């Protein structure tokens, strides 16, 4: 009875790994360093930063239907480090999503019994 369960676990882990590798390969192969759609709204933020007149109002301003204070701070830091290389921003977003995925799996393993862990 243990072997079919072991095969199922291996199969599940393979199914988890496939989208992770596929997404990373798509970013590395076809990610471009060109602003697209919402990326253009960051230009005003970077311009204000370069002119040394960045204020809290601009950081906390509404973007579509929400306010993005923390992401704007992260984007500013990434833009400063990478000279606004959007491929780096894609990779950081990917790594944050991957971290989130593994934390959810960890949480799932903590809250389930040992026989049903992922």
C-alpha atoms as a PDB file:
ATOM      1  CA  UNK A   1       0.000   0.000   0.000  1.00  0.00           C
ATOM      2  CA  UNK A   2       2.965   2.304   0.556  1.00  0.00           C
ATOM      3  CA  UNK A   3       4.266   2.126  -3.044  1.00  0.00           C
ATOM      4  CA  UNK A   4       1.195   3.581  -4.808  1.00  0.00           C
ATOM      5  CA  UNK A   5       1.151   6.429  -2.292  1.00  0.00           C
ATOM      6  CA  UNK A   6       4.857   7.058  -2.901  1.00  0.00           C
ATOM      7  CA  UNK A   7       4.301   7.115  -6.681  1.00  0.00           C
ATOM      8  CA  UNK A   8       1.482   9.610  -6.219  1.00  0.00           C
ATOM      9  CA  UNK A   9       3.715  11.868  -4.115  1.00  0.00           C
ATOM     10  CA  UNK A  10       6.467  11.768  -6.753  1.00  0.00           C
ATOM     11  CA  UNK A  11       3.927  12.511  -9.490  1.00  0.00           C
ATOM     12  CA  UNK A  12       2.547  15.460  -7.512  1.00  0.00           C
ATOM     13  CA  UNK A  13       6.034  16.887  -6.971  1.00  0.00           C
ATOM     14  CA  UNK A  14       6.741  16.607 -10.702  1.00  0.00           C
ATOM     15  CA  UNK A  15       3.495  18.460 -11.424  1.00  0.00           C
ATOM     16  CA  UNK A  16       4.584  21.170  -8.968  1.00  0.00           C
ATOM     17  CA  UNK A  17       8.022  21.546 -10.553  1.00  0.00           C
ATOM     18  CA  UNK A  18       6.886  21.749 -14.207  1.00  0.00           C
ATOM     19  CA  UNK A  19       5.155  25.180 -13.978  1.00  0.00           C
ATOM     20  CA  UNK A  20       7.982  26.535 -11.829  1.00  0.00           C
ATOM     21  CA  UNK A  21      10.596  25.646 -14.442  1.00  0.00           C
ATOM     22  CA  UNK A  22       8.347  26.654 -17.351  1.00  0.00           C
ATOM     23  CA  UNK A  23       7.632  30.098 -15.903  1.00  0.00           C
ATOM     24  CA  UNK A  24      11.302  30.760 -15.179  1.00  0.00           C
ATOM     25  CA  UNK A  25      12.289  29.680 -18.684  1.00  0.00           C
ATOM     26  CA  UNK A  26       9.629  31.962 -20.223  1.00  0.00           C
ATOM     27  CA  UNK A  27      10.977  34.938 -18.264  1.00  0.00           C
ATOM     28  CA  UNK A  28      14.591  34.173 -19.160  1.00  0.00           C
ATOM     29  CA  UNK A  29      13.917  33.463 -22.834  1.00  0.00           C
ATOM     30  CA  UNK A  30      11.266  36.025 -23.743  1.00  0.00           C
ATOM     31  CA  UNK A  31      11.270  38.634 -21.003  1.00  0.00           C
ATOM     32  CA  UNK A  32      12.057  42.040 -22.472  1.00  0.00           C
ATOM     33  CA  UNK A  33      13.371  45.208 -20.915  1.00  0.00           C
ATOM     34  CA  UNK A  34      10.648  47.438 -22.366  1.00  0.00           C
ATOM     35  CA  UNK A  35       7.946  49.158 -20.302  1.00  0.00           C
ATOM     36  CA  UNK A  36       4.499  47.820 -21.067  1.00  0.00           C
ATOM     37  CA  UNK A  37       1.076  49.164 -20.050  1.00  0.00           C
ATOM     38  CA  UNK A  38       1.174  49.826 -16.264  1.00  0.00           C
ATOM     39  CA  UNK A  39       4.977  50.090 -16.259  1.00  0.00           C
ATOM     40  CA  UNK A  40       4.653  53.536 -17.819  1.00  0.00           C
ATOM     41  CA  UNK A  41       2.919  54.833 -14.708  1.00  0.00           C
ATOM     42  CA  UNK A  42       6.221  54.363 -12.846  1.00  0.00           C
ATOM     43  CA  UNK A  43       7.970  56.985 -14.972  1.00  0.00           C
ATOM     44  CA  UNK A  44       6.552  59.862 -12.906  1.00  0.00           C
ATOM     45  CA  UNK A  45       7.703  58.134  -9.744  1.00  0.00           C
ATOM     46  CA  UNK A  46      11.255  57.726 -11.058  1.00  0.00           C
ATOM     47  CA  UNK A  47      11.315  61.275 -12.429  1.00  0.00           C
ATOM     48  CA  UNK A  48      10.307  62.692  -9.051  1.00  0.00           C
ATOM     49  CA  UNK A  49      12.965  60.572  -7.371  1.00  0.00           C
ATOM     50  CA  UNK A  50      15.692  61.809  -9.707  1.00  0.00           C
ATOM     51  CA  UNK A  51      14.600  65.428  -9.212  1.00  0.00           C
ATOM     52  CA  UNK A  52      14.656  64.932  -5.403  1.00  0.00           C
ATOM     53  CA  UNK A  53      11.030  65.940  -4.935  1.00  0.00           C
ATOM     54  CA  UNK A  54       9.485  62.553  -4.150  1.00  0.00           C
ATOM     55  CA  UNK A  55       6.790  62.879  -1.508  1.00  0.00           C
ATOM     56  CA  UNK A  56       4.518  60.517   0.376  1.00  0.00           C
ATOM     57  CA  UNK A  57       1.510  61.620  -1.679  1.00  0.00           C
ATOM     58  CA  UNK A  58       3.078  60.277  -4.863  1.00  0.00           C
ATOM     59  CA  UNK A  59       4.052  57.005  -3.186  1.00  0.00           C
ATOM     60  CA  UNK A  60       0.572  56.567  -1.703  1.00  0.00           C
ATOM     61  CA  UNK A  61      -1.337  57.742  -4.774  1.00  0.00           C
ATOM     62  CA  UNK A  62      -4.061  55.532  -6.148  1.00  0.00           C
ATOM     63  CA  UNK A  63      -3.164  53.109  -8.946  1.00  0.00           C
ATOM     64  CA  UNK A  64      -6.264  51.751 -10.697  1.00  0.00           C
ATOM     65  CA  UNK A  65      -8.437  50.690  -7.753  1.00  0.00           C
ATOM     66  CA  UNK A  66      -5.805  50.359  -5.028  1.00  0.00           C
ATOM     67  CA  UNK A  67      -2.784  51.961  -3.385  1.00  0.00           C
ATOM     68  CA  UNK A  68       0.625  50.367  -3.872  1.00  0.00           C
ATOM     69  CA  UNK A  69       2.942  51.922  -1.285  1.00  0.00           C
ATOM     70  CA  UNK A  70       5.099  48.844  -0.589  1.00  0.00           C
ATOM     71  CA  UNK A  71       5.355  47.685  -4.228  1.00  0.00           C
ATOM     72  CA  UNK A  72       6.306  51.226  -5.295  1.00  0.00           C
ATOM     73  CA  UNK A  73       9.097  51.245  -2.721  1.00  0.00           C
ATOM     74  CA  UNK A  74      10.287  47.853  -3.974  1.00  0.00           C
ATOM     75  CA  UNK A  75      10.132  49.052  -7.601  1.00  0.00           C
ATOM     76  CA  UNK A  76      12.132  52.157  -6.682  1.00  0.00           C
ATOM     77  CA  UNK A  77      14.820  50.058  -5.027  1.00  0.00           C
ATOM     78  CA  UNK A  78      14.964  47.635  -7.947  1.00  0.00           C
ATOM     79  CA  UNK A  79      15.046  50.473 -10.463  1.00  0.00           C
ATOM     80  CA  UNK A  80      17.924  52.091  -8.601  1.00  0.00           C
ATOM     81  CA  UNK A  81      19.906  48.830  -8.378  1.00  0.00           C
ATOM     82  CA  UNK A  82      19.225  47.605 -11.931  1.00  0.00           C
ATOM     83  CA  UNK A  83      18.833  50.942 -13.765  1.00  0.00           C
ATOM     84  CA  UNK A  84      15.133  50.101 -14.325  1.00  0.00           C
ATOM     85  CA  UNK A  85      15.796  46.751 -15.973  1.00  0.00           C
ATOM     86  CA  UNK A  86      12.303  45.282 -16.141  1.00  0.00           C
ATOM     87  CA  UNK A  87      13.620  41.758 -16.591  1.00  0.00           C
ATOM     88  CA  UNK A  88      15.130  42.011 -13.103  1.00  0.00           C
ATOM     89  CA  UNK A  89      11.739  43.168 -11.837  1.00  0.00           C
ATOM     90  CA  UNK A  90      10.126  40.126 -13.474  1.00  0.00           C
ATOM     91  CA  UNK A  91      12.638  37.802 -11.834  1.00  0.00           C
ATOM     92  CA  UNK A  92      12.134  39.374  -8.398  1.00  0.00           C
ATOM     93  CA  UNK A  93       8.349  39.067  -8.799  1.00  0.00           C
ATOM     94  CA  UNK A  94       8.842  35.442  -9.828  1.00  0.00           C
ATOM     95  CA  UNK A  95      11.014  34.742  -6.775  1.00  0.00           C
ATOM     96  CA  UNK A  96       8.450  36.363  -4.471  1.00  0.00           C
ATOM     97  CA  UNK A  97       5.679  34.240  -6.005  1.00  0.00           C
ATOM     98  CA  UNK A  98       7.865  31.150  -5.610  1.00  0.00           C
ATOM     99  CA  UNK A  99       8.527  32.017  -1.966  1.00  0.00           C
ATOM    100  CA  UNK A 100       4.790  32.448  -1.462  1.00  0.00           C
ATOM    101  CA  UNK A 101       4.158  29.041  -3.072  1.00  0.00           C
ATOM    102  CA  UNK A 102       6.633  27.266  -0.783  1.00  0.00           C
ATOM    103  CA  UNK A 103       5.265  29.036   2.292  1.00  0.00           C
ATOM    104  CA  UNK A 104       1.763  27.852   1.391  1.00  0.00           C
ATOM    105  CA  UNK A 105       3.061  24.278   1.015  1.00  0.00           C
ATOM    106  CA  UNK A 106       4.827  24.595   4.368  1.00  0.00           C
ATOM    107  CA  UNK A 107       1.633  25.885   5.971  1.00  0.00           C
ATOM    108  CA  UNK A 108      -0.283  23.011   4.409  1.00  0.00           C
ATOM    109  CA  UNK A 109       2.190  20.491   5.798  1.00  0.00           C
ATOM    110  CA  UNK A 110       1.953  22.020   9.264  1.00  0.00           C
ATOM    111  CA  UNK A 111      -1.848  21.918   9.338  1.00  0.00           C
ATOM    112  CA  UNK A 112      -2.388  18.439   7.882  1.00  0.00           C
ATOM    113  CA  UNK A 113      -1.637  15.020   9.288  1.00  0.00           C
ATOM    114  CA  UNK A 114       1.621  13.318   8.395  1.00  0.00           C
ATOM    115  CA  UNK A 115      -0.098  10.865   6.033  1.00  0.00           C
ATOM    116  CA  UNK A 116      -1.474  13.583   3.767  1.00  0.00           C
ATOM    117  CA  UNK A 117       1.495  15.941   3.560  1.00  0.00           C
ATOM    118  CA  UNK A 118       2.551  17.285   0.186  1.00  0.00           C
END
